[in-house]
Amino acid sequence: MAATISRWLIGFGTLGLLIMTAIVGWQVFGRFILDSSPSWTEQASLILMIWYVMFASAAGVYEGFHIRIALLEEKLGDRARPLTRLVALVIALIGIALLIYGAQLCWIVRGNTVPSLGFSRAVAYVPLPISGLLMAVFALPQILTGRHRDEPRAEVETL
């Protein structure tokens, strides 16, 4: 289930980046070719950036491509388990903070309207609590086991 969610998050992030690139391209075309830049393009691209960055960050926790000191973990081997658990705990705490404060932010700005787009400012910040929850959930197995999803388990020797 988590792998499916992670794939969807990465796919959504990829799609968001492509759409944002098209919007910025349209903005440049409008500004330099048509001498009339559309008013909605800047806000739309900024909101898309918030969405795809937050969802890709959550996927990064599951996939293991978030920022971490992999070289140190590789050099220390099994002795790095406490470090891995600590990093995962910090990530989970950041995820919980994003969940709580992101939900509060959405609630506070729900009445504000994005002028050039005409919808609630809360739409821009909806990914914060969602990705925060996913980060905390994706970090939990790392806290419990001390290893990343793709890290092989130690071989058990048989007699």
N, C-alpha and C. Protein backbone atom coordinates (compact mmCIF):
# COMPACT_ATOMS: atom_id res chain seq x y z
N MET A 1 0.82 -1.20 0.00
CA MET A 1 0.00 0.00 0.00
C MET A 1 0.86 1.26 0.00
N ALA A 2 1.89 1.29 0.87
CA ALA A 2 2.76 2.46 0.95
C ALA A 2 3.52 2.66 -0.36
N ALA A 3 3.93 1.56 -1.00
CA ALA A 3 4.65 1.67 -2.27
C ALA A 3 3.75 2.27 -3.35
N THR A 4 2.49 1.90 -3.35
CA THR A 4 1.54 2.45 -4.32
C THR A 4 1.34 3.94 -4.09
N ILE A 5 1.18 4.32 -2.83
CA ILE A 5 1.02 5.74 -2.50
C ILE A 5 2.26 6.52 -2.93
N SER A 6 3.42 5.97 -2.66
CA SER A 6 4.67 6.63 -3.04
C SER A 6 4.77 6.81 -4.55
N ARG A 7 4.41 5.78 -5.30
CA ARG A 7 4.43 5.89 -6.78
C ARG A 7 3.47 6.97 -7.25
N TRP A 8 2.29 7.03 -6.65
CA TRP A 8 1.31 8.05 -7.01
C TRP A 8 1.84 9.45 -6.69
N LEU A 9 2.49 9.60 -5.55
CA LEU A 9 3.05 10.89 -5.17
C LEU A 9 4.13 11.33 -6.15
N ILE A 10 4.99 10.41 -6.55
CA ILE A 10 6.04 10.74 -7.51
C ILE A 10 5.43 11.07 -8.87
N GLY A 11 4.44 10.31 -9.27
CA GLY A 11 3.76 10.60 -10.54
C GLY A 11 3.07 11.96 -10.52
N PHE A 12 2.41 12.26 -9.40
CA PHE A 12 1.76 13.56 -9.27
C PHE A 12 2.79 14.68 -9.29
N GLY A 13 3.93 14.46 -8.62
CA GLY A 13 4.99 15.47 -8.62
C GLY A 13 5.54 15.70 -10.01
N THR A 14 5.72 14.63 -10.76
CA THR A 14 6.20 14.74 -12.13
C THR A 14 5.22 15.50 -13.00
N LEU A 15 3.95 15.15 -12.87
CA LEU A 15 2.91 15.84 -13.64
C LEU A 15 2.85 17.32 -13.26
N GLY A 16 2.94 17.62 -11.96
CA GLY A 16 2.92 19.01 -11.51
C GLY A 16 4.07 19.81 -12.07
N LEU A 17 5.26 19.20 -12.10
CA LEU A 17 6.43 19.88 -12.66
C LEU A 17 6.25 20.15 -14.15
N LEU A 18 5.69 19.19 -14.87
CA LEU A 18 5.44 19.38 -16.31
C LEU A 18 4.42 20.48 -16.56
N ILE A 19 3.35 20.48 -15.78
CA ILE A 19 2.31 21.52 -15.93
C ILE A 19 2.88 22.88 -15.58
N MET A 20 3.67 22.95 -14.50
CA MET A 20 4.27 24.21 -14.11
C MET A 20 5.21 24.73 -15.21
N THR A 21 5.97 23.84 -15.81
CA THR A 21 6.86 24.23 -16.90
C THR A 21 6.06 24.79 -18.07
N ALA A 22 4.93 24.17 -18.40
CA ALA A 22 4.09 24.68 -19.48
C ALA A 22 3.51 26.05 -19.13
N ILE A 23 3.11 26.23 -17.88
CA ILE A 23 2.55 27.53 -17.46
C ILE A 23 3.60 28.62 -17.53
N VAL A 24 4.80 28.33 -17.04
CA VAL A 24 5.87 29.33 -17.10
C VAL A 24 6.24 29.61 -18.55
N GLY A 25 6.25 28.59 -19.39
CA GLY A 25 6.48 28.79 -20.82
C GLY A 25 5.45 29.70 -21.44
N TRP A 26 4.19 29.51 -21.06
CA TRP A 26 3.11 30.37 -21.56
C TRP A 26 3.31 31.80 -21.07
N GLN A 27 3.76 31.96 -19.83
CA GLN A 27 4.00 33.28 -19.27
C GLN A 27 5.12 34.00 -20.05
N VAL A 28 6.20 33.29 -20.33
CA VAL A 28 7.30 33.88 -21.09
C VAL A 28 6.85 34.22 -22.50
N PHE A 29 6.12 33.32 -23.14
CA PHE A 29 5.59 33.58 -24.48
C PHE A 29 4.70 34.82 -24.47
N GLY A 30 3.81 34.89 -23.49
CA GLY A 30 2.92 36.04 -23.40
C GLY A 30 3.68 37.34 -23.17
N ARG A 31 4.69 37.30 -22.33
CA ARG A 31 5.43 38.52 -22.00
C ARG A 31 6.28 39.02 -23.16
N PHE A 32 7.00 38.11 -23.82
CA PHE A 32 7.97 38.55 -24.82
C PHE A 32 7.44 38.51 -26.25
N ILE A 33 6.46 37.71 -26.53
CA ILE A 33 5.94 37.62 -27.89
C ILE A 33 4.65 38.43 -28.03
N LEU A 34 3.71 38.24 -27.11
CA LEU A 34 2.41 38.91 -27.18
C LEU A 34 2.39 40.26 -26.47
N ASP A 35 3.44 40.58 -25.73
CA ASP A 35 3.50 41.80 -24.91
C ASP A 35 2.35 41.89 -23.92
N SER A 36 1.84 40.76 -23.49
CA SER A 36 0.75 40.72 -22.51
C SER A 36 0.84 39.41 -21.75
N SER A 37 1.45 39.47 -20.57
CA SER A 37 1.61 38.27 -19.76
C SER A 37 0.32 37.97 -19.01
N PRO A 38 -0.17 36.74 -19.05
CA PRO A 38 -1.39 36.40 -18.30
C PRO A 38 -1.18 36.60 -16.80
N SER A 39 -2.18 37.12 -16.12
CA SER A 39 -2.05 37.45 -14.70
C SER A 39 -2.06 36.22 -13.80
N TRP A 40 -2.61 35.13 -14.25
CA TRP A 40 -2.78 33.96 -13.40
C TRP A 40 -1.58 33.02 -13.36
N THR A 41 -0.64 33.19 -14.30
CA THR A 41 0.41 32.20 -14.46
C THR A 41 1.37 32.12 -13.27
N GLU A 42 1.74 33.26 -12.71
CA GLU A 42 2.69 33.24 -11.60
C GLU A 42 2.12 32.55 -10.37
N GLN A 43 0.90 32.91 -9.99
CA GLN A 43 0.28 32.29 -8.82
C GLN A 43 0.02 30.81 -9.05
N ALA A 44 -0.41 30.45 -10.24
CA ALA A 44 -0.68 29.03 -10.54
C ALA A 44 0.60 28.21 -10.45
N SER A 45 1.69 28.73 -10.99
CA SER A 45 2.95 27.97 -10.95
C SER A 45 3.48 27.87 -9.52
N LEU A 46 3.32 28.92 -8.72
CA LEU A 46 3.76 28.85 -7.32
C LEU A 46 2.95 27.82 -6.53
N ILE A 47 1.66 27.79 -6.74
CA ILE A 47 0.82 26.81 -6.03
C ILE A 47 1.17 25.39 -6.47
N LEU A 48 1.36 25.19 -7.76
CA LEU A 48 1.77 23.86 -8.24
C LEU A 48 3.11 23.45 -7.64
N MET A 49 4.02 24.41 -7.48
CA MET A 49 5.32 24.08 -6.90
C MET A 49 5.17 23.60 -5.45
N ILE A 50 4.34 24.28 -4.69
CA ILE A 50 4.09 23.84 -3.31
C ILE A 50 3.56 22.41 -3.32
N TRP A 51 2.60 22.14 -4.20
CA TRP A 51 1.99 20.82 -4.25
C TRP A 51 3.01 19.74 -4.60
N TYR A 52 3.74 19.92 -5.71
CA TYR A 52 4.61 18.82 -6.12
C TYR A 52 5.82 18.67 -5.22
N VAL A 53 6.34 19.76 -4.66
CA VAL A 53 7.48 19.63 -3.76
C VAL A 53 7.07 18.90 -2.48
N MET A 54 5.93 19.24 -1.91
CA MET A 54 5.51 18.60 -0.66
C MET A 54 5.21 17.11 -0.87
N PHE A 55 4.53 16.77 -1.96
CA PHE A 55 4.22 15.37 -2.20
C PHE A 55 5.48 14.56 -2.55
N ALA A 56 6.40 15.17 -3.30
CA ALA A 56 7.66 14.47 -3.60
C ALA A 56 8.49 14.30 -2.33
N SER A 57 8.40 15.25 -1.41
CA SER A 57 9.12 15.12 -0.13
C SER A 57 8.59 13.94 0.67
N ALA A 58 7.29 13.78 0.69
CA ALA A 58 6.71 12.63 1.40
C ALA A 58 7.15 11.33 0.75
N ALA A 59 7.14 11.28 -0.56
CA ALA A 59 7.60 10.07 -1.26
C ALA A 59 9.08 9.82 -0.98
N GLY A 60 9.84 10.89 -0.84
CA GLY A 60 11.27 10.77 -0.55
C GLY A 60 11.55 10.08 0.77
N VAL A 61 10.68 10.27 1.73
CA VAL A 61 10.85 9.58 3.01
C VAL A 61 10.68 8.08 2.81
N TYR A 62 9.68 7.69 2.05
CA TYR A 62 9.45 6.26 1.81
C TYR A 62 10.55 5.65 0.93
N GLU A 63 10.89 6.35 -0.15
CA GLU A 63 11.84 5.82 -1.12
C GLU A 63 13.29 5.94 -0.64
N GLY A 64 13.54 6.78 0.35
CA GLY A 64 14.89 6.94 0.87
C GLY A 64 15.72 7.95 0.10
N PHE A 65 15.10 8.81 -0.70
CA PHE A 65 15.89 9.82 -1.40
C PHE A 65 15.78 11.19 -0.73
N HIS A 66 15.36 11.19 0.53
CA HIS A 66 15.38 12.43 1.29
C HIS A 66 16.82 12.71 1.72
N ILE A 67 17.05 13.88 2.24
CA ILE A 67 18.39 14.26 2.65
C ILE A 67 18.80 13.46 3.88
N ARG A 68 19.90 12.76 3.77
CA ARG A 68 20.44 12.03 4.90
C ARG A 68 21.93 11.81 4.65
N ILE A 69 22.61 11.37 5.64
CA ILE A 69 24.04 11.18 5.51
C ILE A 69 24.29 9.71 5.20
N ALA A 70 24.10 9.34 3.95
CA ALA A 70 24.21 7.94 3.53
C ALA A 70 25.64 7.44 3.64
N LEU A 71 26.61 8.30 3.36
CA LEU A 71 28.01 7.88 3.43
C LEU A 71 28.37 7.44 4.84
N LEU A 72 27.92 8.20 5.83
CA LEU A 72 28.19 7.84 7.22
C LEU A 72 27.51 6.52 7.58
N GLU A 73 26.28 6.34 7.11
CA GLU A 73 25.56 5.09 7.37
C GLU A 73 26.28 3.90 6.74
N GLU A 74 26.80 4.09 5.52
CA GLU A 74 27.51 3.01 4.84
C GLU A 74 28.81 2.66 5.55
N LYS A 75 29.53 3.65 6.01
CA LYS A 75 30.81 3.41 6.69
C LYS A 75 30.61 2.73 8.05
N LEU A 76 29.54 3.11 8.77
CA LEU A 76 29.31 2.56 10.10
C LEU A 76 28.63 1.20 10.08
N GLY A 77 27.95 0.87 9.01
CA GLY A 77 27.26 -0.42 8.91
C GLY A 77 26.16 -0.54 9.95
N ASP A 78 26.14 -1.66 10.66
CA ASP A 78 25.10 -1.91 11.68
C ASP A 78 25.18 -0.93 12.84
N ARG A 79 26.34 -0.36 13.07
CA ARG A 79 26.47 0.62 14.16
C ARG A 79 25.70 1.90 13.87
N ALA A 80 25.24 2.08 12.61
CA ALA A 80 24.50 3.29 12.25
C ALA A 80 23.01 3.18 12.55
N ARG A 81 22.54 2.02 13.02
CA ARG A 81 21.11 1.84 13.30
C ARG A 81 20.55 2.92 14.23
N PRO A 82 21.24 3.25 15.33
CA PRO A 82 20.70 4.32 16.19
C PRO A 82 20.62 5.66 15.45
N LEU A 83 21.60 5.93 14.60
CA LEU A 83 21.59 7.17 13.81
C LEU A 83 20.41 7.16 12.84
N THR A 84 20.20 6.03 12.17
CA THR A 84 19.08 5.90 11.24
C THR A 84 17.76 6.09 11.96
N ARG A 85 17.64 5.50 13.15
CA ARG A 85 16.41 5.66 13.93
C ARG A 85 16.22 7.11 14.35
N LEU A 86 17.30 7.78 14.74
CA LEU A 86 17.21 9.17 15.16
C LEU A 86 16.77 10.06 13.99
N VAL A 87 17.37 9.86 12.84
CA VAL A 87 16.99 10.64 11.65
C VAL A 87 15.52 10.40 11.31
N ALA A 88 15.08 9.15 11.36
CA ALA A 88 13.68 8.83 11.07
C ALA A 88 12.75 9.45 12.10
N LEU A 89 13.17 9.48 13.35
CA LEU A 89 12.36 10.11 14.40
C LEU A 89 12.23 11.61 14.15
N VAL A 90 13.31 12.25 13.78
CA VAL A 90 13.27 13.69 13.47
C VAL A 90 12.34 13.94 12.28
N ILE A 91 12.43 13.10 11.27
CA ILE A 91 11.56 13.24 10.09
C ILE A 91 10.09 13.05 10.49
N ALA A 92 9.82 12.06 11.34
CA ALA A 92 8.45 11.83 11.79
C ALA A 92 7.93 13.03 12.58
N LEU A 93 8.78 13.61 13.42
CA LEU A 93 8.37 14.78 14.21
C LEU A 93 8.11 15.99 13.30
N ILE A 94 8.94 16.16 12.30
CA ILE A 94 8.70 17.23 11.32
C ILE A 94 7.40 16.97 10.58
N GLY A 95 7.13 15.71 10.23
CA GLY A 95 5.87 15.37 9.58
C GLY A 95 4.67 15.69 10.45
N ILE A 96 4.76 15.38 11.73
CA ILE A 96 3.66 15.69 12.65
C ILE A 96 3.47 17.19 12.77
N ALA A 97 4.58 17.95 12.82
CA ALA A 97 4.48 19.41 12.86
C ALA A 97 3.82 19.95 11.60
N LEU A 98 4.19 19.39 10.44
CA LEU A 98 3.55 19.80 9.18
C LEU A 98 2.06 19.48 9.18
N LEU A 99 1.72 18.33 9.74
CA LEU A 99 0.31 17.93 9.82
C LEU A 99 -0.47 18.94 10.67
N ILE A 100 0.02 19.22 11.86
CA ILE A 100 -0.71 20.09 12.79
C ILE A 100 -0.73 21.53 12.30
N TYR A 101 0.46 22.08 12.05
CA TYR A 101 0.52 23.50 11.69
C TYR A 101 0.05 23.75 10.26
N GLY A 102 0.21 22.77 9.38
CA GLY A 102 -0.32 22.91 8.02
C GLY A 102 -1.84 22.94 8.02
N ALA A 103 -2.47 22.10 8.85
CA ALA A 103 -3.93 22.11 8.97
C ALA A 103 -4.40 23.43 9.56
N GLN A 104 -3.68 23.94 10.56
CA GLN A 104 -4.03 25.23 11.14
C GLN A 104 -3.90 26.35 10.11
N LEU A 105 -2.84 26.31 9.32
CA LEU A 105 -2.65 27.32 8.28
C LEU A 105 -3.78 27.28 7.26
N CYS A 106 -4.16 26.08 6.83
CA CYS A 106 -5.29 25.95 5.89
C CYS A 106 -6.56 26.55 6.48
N TRP A 107 -6.79 26.29 7.76
CA TRP A 107 -7.98 26.81 8.42
C TRP A 107 -7.95 28.33 8.52
N ILE A 108 -6.79 28.89 8.84
CA ILE A 108 -6.66 30.34 9.02
C ILE A 108 -6.87 31.09 7.70
N VAL A 109 -6.34 30.56 6.60
CA VAL A 109 -6.40 31.29 5.32
C VAL A 109 -7.57 30.86 4.43
N ARG A 110 -8.45 30.03 4.97
CA ARG A 110 -9.54 29.51 4.14
C ARG A 110 -10.43 30.61 3.55
N GLY A 111 -10.52 31.75 4.21
CA GLY A 111 -11.36 32.84 3.72
C GLY A 111 -10.65 33.78 2.76
N ASN A 112 -9.33 33.63 2.63
CA ASN A 112 -8.56 34.48 1.71
C ASN A 112 -8.63 33.91 0.31
N THR A 113 -8.74 34.78 -0.66
CA THR A 113 -8.84 34.36 -2.05
C THR A 113 -7.56 34.71 -2.80
N VAL A 114 -7.11 33.81 -3.64
CA VAL A 114 -5.98 34.11 -4.52
C VAL A 114 -6.55 35.00 -5.62
N PRO A 115 -6.12 36.27 -5.68
CA PRO A 115 -6.78 37.24 -6.57
C PRO A 115 -6.82 36.83 -8.04
N SER A 116 -5.71 36.34 -8.57
CA SER A 116 -5.68 36.05 -10.01
C SER A 116 -6.33 34.71 -10.36
N LEU A 117 -6.60 33.87 -9.36
CA LEU A 117 -7.18 32.56 -9.64
C LEU A 117 -8.61 32.42 -9.14
N GLY A 118 -8.97 33.17 -8.11
CA GLY A 118 -10.34 33.18 -7.62
C GLY A 118 -10.74 32.05 -6.69
N PHE A 119 -9.77 31.30 -6.17
CA PHE A 119 -10.14 30.28 -5.19
C PHE A 119 -9.40 30.51 -3.88
N SER A 120 -9.79 29.76 -2.87
CA SER A 120 -9.27 29.95 -1.52
C SER A 120 -7.76 29.71 -1.45
N ARG A 121 -7.08 30.54 -0.68
CA ARG A 121 -5.64 30.39 -0.45
C ARG A 121 -5.34 29.04 0.22
N ALA A 122 -6.30 28.48 0.93
CA ALA A 122 -6.10 27.19 1.60
C ALA A 122 -5.75 26.09 0.60
N VAL A 123 -6.23 26.20 -0.62
CA VAL A 123 -5.93 25.20 -1.65
C VAL A 123 -4.42 25.07 -1.84
N ALA A 124 -3.71 26.18 -1.73
CA ALA A 124 -2.25 26.14 -1.91
C ALA A 124 -1.58 25.33 -0.81
N TYR A 125 -2.16 25.34 0.40
CA TYR A 125 -1.49 24.75 1.55
C TYR A 125 -2.03 23.38 1.96
N VAL A 126 -2.99 22.84 1.25
CA VAL A 126 -3.54 21.52 1.55
C VAL A 126 -2.46 20.43 1.56
N PRO A 127 -1.44 20.49 0.70
CA PRO A 127 -0.42 19.43 0.74
C PRO A 127 0.39 19.38 2.04
N LEU A 128 0.46 20.46 2.78
CA LEU A 128 1.26 20.44 4.01
C LEU A 128 0.79 19.40 5.01
N PRO A 129 -0.48 19.42 5.44
CA PRO A 129 -0.88 18.39 6.40
C PRO A 129 -0.91 16.98 5.81
N ILE A 130 -1.26 16.86 4.54
CA ILE A 130 -1.30 15.54 3.91
C ILE A 130 0.11 14.94 3.84
N SER A 131 1.06 15.72 3.33
CA SER A 131 2.43 15.20 3.22
C SER A 131 3.05 15.01 4.60
N GLY A 132 2.69 15.85 5.56
CA GLY A 132 3.19 15.67 6.92
C GLY A 132 2.76 14.34 7.50
N LEU A 133 1.49 14.02 7.32
CA LEU A 133 0.98 12.72 7.80
C LEU A 133 1.71 11.57 7.11
N LEU A 134 1.87 11.67 5.80
CA LEU A 134 2.55 10.61 5.06
C LEU A 134 4.02 10.48 5.47
N MET A 135 4.69 11.59 5.72
CA MET A 135 6.08 11.53 6.18
C MET A 135 6.18 10.79 7.51
N ALA A 136 5.28 11.11 8.42
CA ALA A 136 5.30 10.44 9.73
C ALA A 136 5.03 8.95 9.59
N VAL A 137 4.05 8.60 8.76
CA VAL A 137 3.72 7.19 8.55
C VAL A 137 4.86 6.45 7.86
N PHE A 138 5.48 7.08 6.85
CA PHE A 138 6.57 6.44 6.13
C PHE A 138 7.84 6.32 6.98
N ALA A 139 8.02 7.20 7.96
CA ALA A 139 9.20 7.15 8.83
C ALA A 139 9.06 6.10 9.93
N LEU A 140 7.84 5.72 10.25
CA LEU A 140 7.60 4.78 11.36
C LEU A 140 8.35 3.46 11.22
N PRO A 141 8.30 2.78 10.07
CA PRO A 141 9.06 1.52 9.96
C PRO A 141 10.57 1.71 10.14
N GLN A 142 11.08 2.87 9.72
CA GLN A 142 12.51 3.15 9.88
C GLN A 142 12.85 3.35 11.36
N ILE A 143 11.93 3.95 12.10
CA ILE A 143 12.14 4.13 13.54
C ILE A 143 12.16 2.77 14.22
N LEU A 144 11.25 1.90 13.83
CA LEU A 144 11.13 0.58 14.48
C LEU A 144 12.26 -0.37 14.13
N THR A 145 12.68 -0.37 12.86
CA THR A 145 13.68 -1.34 12.41
C THR A 145 15.10 -0.78 12.35
N GLY A 146 15.23 0.53 12.21
CA GLY A 146 16.56 1.11 12.08
C GLY A 146 17.17 0.93 10.72
N ARG A 147 16.35 0.59 9.74
CA ARG A 147 16.86 0.44 8.38
C ARG A 147 15.87 1.05 7.39
N HIS A 148 16.40 1.39 6.23
CA HIS A 148 15.58 1.97 5.17
C HIS A 148 14.87 0.84 4.42
N ARG A 149 13.85 1.21 3.70
CA ARG A 149 13.03 0.24 2.98
C ARG A 149 13.86 -0.62 2.03
N ASP A 150 14.80 0.00 1.32
CA ASP A 150 15.56 -0.73 0.31
C ASP A 150 16.83 -1.38 0.85
N GLU A 151 17.09 -1.20 2.14
CA GLU A 151 18.29 -1.77 2.73
C GLU A 151 18.08 -3.25 3.00
N PRO A 152 19.01 -4.10 2.56
CA PRO A 152 18.82 -5.54 2.78
C PRO A 152 18.94 -5.90 4.25
N ARG A 153 18.21 -6.91 4.63
CA ARG A 153 18.29 -7.42 6.00
C ARG A 153 19.53 -8.29 6.12
N ALA A 154 20.02 -8.41 7.31
CA ALA A 154 21.20 -9.25 7.54
C ALA A 154 20.86 -10.70 7.24
N GLU A 155 21.79 -11.40 6.64
CA GLU A 155 21.60 -12.82 6.32
C GLU A 155 21.65 -13.64 7.61
N VAL A 156 20.80 -14.60 7.71
CA VAL A 156 20.80 -15.50 8.85
C VAL A 156 21.56 -16.76 8.46
N GLU A 157 22.57 -17.07 9.23
CA GLU A 157 23.37 -18.26 8.91
C GLU A 157 22.67 -19.50 9.41
N THR A 158 22.68 -20.54 8.59
CA THR A 158 22.10 -21.82 8.99
C THR A 158 23.21 -22.82 9.20
N LEU A 159 23.00 -23.73 10.09
CA LEU A 159 24.02 -24.74 10.38
C LEU A 159 23.99 -25.87 9.41
